[in-house]
C-alpha atoms as a PDB file:
ATOM      1  CA  UNK A   1      14.264  16.595  -4.705  1.00  0.00           C
ATOM      2  CA  UNK A   2      10.612  16.145  -6.583  1.00  0.00           C
ATOM      3  CA  UNK A   3       7.664  17.802  -5.982  1.00  0.00           C
ATOM      4  CA  UNK A   4       6.243  16.613  -3.174  1.00  0.00           C
ATOM      5  CA  UNK A   5       3.693  13.823  -2.595  1.00  0.00           C
ATOM      6  CA  UNK A   6       1.998  14.889   0.487  1.00  0.00           C
ATOM      7  CA  UNK A   7      -2.211  15.530   0.241  1.00  0.00           C
ATOM      8  CA  UNK A   8      -1.693  19.009   1.328  1.00  0.00           C
ATOM      9  CA  UNK A   9       0.145  19.494  -2.084  1.00  0.00           C
ATOM     10  CA  UNK A  10      -1.383  17.420  -4.603  1.00  0.00           C
ATOM     11  CA  UNK A  11      -4.704  17.085  -6.531  1.00  0.00           C
ATOM     12  CA  UNK A  12      -6.415  14.152  -6.305  1.00  0.00           C
ATOM     13  CA  UNK A  13      -5.941  13.730 -10.068  1.00  0.00           C
ATOM     14  CA  UNK A  14      -2.187  14.051  -8.844  1.00  0.00           C
ATOM     15  CA  UNK A  15      -1.597  11.549  -6.661  1.00  0.00           C
ATOM     16  CA  UNK A  16      -3.549   9.361  -9.104  1.00  0.00           C
ATOM     17  CA  UNK A  17      -0.902   9.364 -11.304  1.00  0.00           C
ATOM     18  CA  UNK A  18       1.917   9.406  -8.703  1.00  0.00           C
ATOM     19  CA  UNK A  19       0.110   6.029  -7.849  1.00  0.00           C
ATOM     20  CA  UNK A  20      -0.161   3.947 -11.287  1.00  0.00           C
ATOM     21  CA  UNK A  21       3.744   5.893 -12.347  1.00  0.00           C
ATOM     22  CA  UNK A  22       4.585   4.857  -9.372  1.00  0.00           C
ATOM     23  CA  UNK A  23       3.616   0.948  -9.201  1.00  0.00           C
ATOM     24  CA  UNK A  24       4.725   1.201 -13.516  1.00  0.00           C
ATOM     25  CA  UNK A  25       1.297   1.423 -14.364  1.00  0.00           C
ATOM     26  CA  UNK A  26       2.044   4.434 -16.877  1.00  0.00           C
ATOM     27  CA  UNK A  27       1.928   8.198 -15.853  1.00  0.00           C
ATOM     28  CA  UNK A  28      -1.572   8.913 -18.774  1.00  0.00           C
ATOM     29  CA  UNK A  29      -4.171   7.022 -16.237  1.00  0.00           C
ATOM     30  CA  UNK A  30      -7.488   8.566 -15.775  1.00  0.00           C
ATOM     31  CA  UNK A  31      -8.907   6.265 -13.298  1.00  0.00           C
ATOM     32  CA  UNK A  32      -8.370   3.651 -10.578  1.00  0.00           C
ATOM     33  CA  UNK A  33     -10.419   0.831 -12.074  1.00  0.00           C
ATOM     34  CA  UNK A  34      -7.839  -0.506 -13.778  1.00  0.00           C
ATOM     35  CA  UNK A  35      -5.877  -1.475 -10.962  1.00  0.00           C
ATOM     36  CA  UNK A  36      -6.267  -5.079  -9.684  1.00  0.00           C
ATOM     37  CA  UNK A  37      -4.976  -7.037  -6.566  1.00  0.00           C
ATOM     38  CA  UNK A  38      -6.356  -4.860  -4.801  1.00  0.00           C
ATOM     39  CA  UNK A  39      -3.177  -1.963  -4.778  1.00  0.00           C
ATOM     40  CA  UNK A  40      -6.564  -0.032  -5.644  1.00  0.00           C
ATOM     41  CA  UNK A  41      -7.453  -0.323  -1.898  1.00  0.00           C
ATOM     42  CA  UNK A  42      -4.535  -0.182  -0.444  1.00  0.00           C
ATOM     43  CA  UNK A  43      -3.627   3.262  -2.612  1.00  0.00           C
ATOM     44  CA  UNK A  44      -7.729   4.314  -2.149  1.00  0.00           C
ATOM     45  CA  UNK A  45      -7.182   6.315   0.490  1.00  0.00           C
ATOM     46  CA  UNK A  46      -4.248   8.224  -0.226  1.00  0.00           C
ATOM     47  CA  UNK A  47      -5.803   8.471  -3.515  1.00  0.00           C
ATOM     48  CA  UNK A  48      -9.378   9.857  -2.156  1.00  0.00           C
ATOM     49  CA  UNK A  49      -6.892  12.775   0.124  1.00  0.00           C
ATOM     50  CA  UNK A  50      -7.514  10.104   4.056  1.00  0.00           C
ATOM     51  CA  UNK A  51      -3.827   8.841   4.480  1.00  0.00           C
ATOM     52  CA  UNK A  52      -0.704   9.164   3.040  1.00  0.00           C
ATOM     53  CA  UNK A  53       1.413   7.141   1.240  1.00  0.00           C
ATOM     54  CA  UNK A  54       3.936   6.922   3.209  1.00  0.00           C
ATOM     55  CA  UNK A  55       1.533   5.769   5.963  1.00  0.00           C
ATOM     56  CA  UNK A  56      -0.474   3.585   3.084  1.00  0.00           C
ATOM     57  CA  UNK A  57       2.896   1.514   2.409  1.00  0.00           C
ATOM     58  CA  UNK A  58       3.469   1.069   5.816  1.00  0.00           C
ATOM     59  CA  UNK A  59      -0.160  -0.627   5.939  1.00  0.00           C
ATOM     60  CA  UNK A  60       0.670  -2.390   3.226  1.00  0.00           C
ATOM     61  CA  UNK A  61       4.303  -3.774   3.989  1.00  0.00           C
ATOM     62  CA  UNK A  62       3.093  -4.832   7.785  1.00  0.00           C
ATOM     63  CA  UNK A  63       0.299  -7.533   6.349  1.00  0.00           C
ATOM     64  CA  UNK A  64       2.560 -10.957   7.483  1.00  0.00           C
ATOM     65  CA  UNK A  65       1.263 -13.496   5.119  1.00  0.00           C
ATOM     66  CA  UNK A  66       0.865 -17.776   7.125  1.00  0.00           C
ATOM     67  CA  UNK A  67      -0.937 -20.658   5.298  1.00  0.00           C
ATOM     68  CA  UNK A  68      -0.920 -22.793   7.784  1.00  0.00           C
ATOM     69  CA  UNK A  69       1.983 -23.032  10.773  1.00  0.00           C
ATOM     70  CA  UNK A  70       3.776 -25.370   9.598  1.00  0.00           C
ATOM     71  CA  UNK A  71       4.514 -22.062   7.847  1.00  0.00           C
ATOM     72  CA  UNK A  72       5.187 -20.499  10.839  1.00  0.00           C
ATOM     73  CA  UNK A  73       8.771 -19.590  12.386  1.00  0.00           C
ATOM     74  CA  UNK A  74       9.924 -22.558  14.663  1.00  0.00           C
ATOM     75  CA  UNK A  75      10.163 -20.306  18.525  1.00  0.00           C
ATOM     76  CA  UNK A  76      11.763 -23.406  19.936  1.00  0.00           C
ATOM     77  CA  UNK A  77       9.706 -24.589  23.609  1.00  0.00           C
ATOM     78  CA  UNK A  78       6.500 -23.171  25.162  1.00  0.00           C
ATOM     79  CA  UNK A  79       6.953 -21.002  28.355  1.00  0.00           C
ATOM     80  CA  UNK A  80       4.485 -22.075  29.800  1.00  0.00           C
ATOM     81  CA  UNK A  81       3.893 -26.023  29.429  1.00  0.00           C
ATOM     82  CA  UNK A  82       1.608 -25.547  26.872  1.00  0.00           C
END
């Protein structure tokens, strides 16, 4: 079993390495400034010690994107008659 990744068991520098290594950006990154595509925003609360890594992942996984009503799954007729 690997070392704990909980905030209480890691330093900020270790959390940066955990995030960058887990996202395959290398394990020698000294800052999160090289991150792109909003990933730094997603994991910044973990890096700052405000939210556990699992919570960041759950928050990111729960995001749903819909381009338009045509992209929404069909639910059949509306029960409210609208």
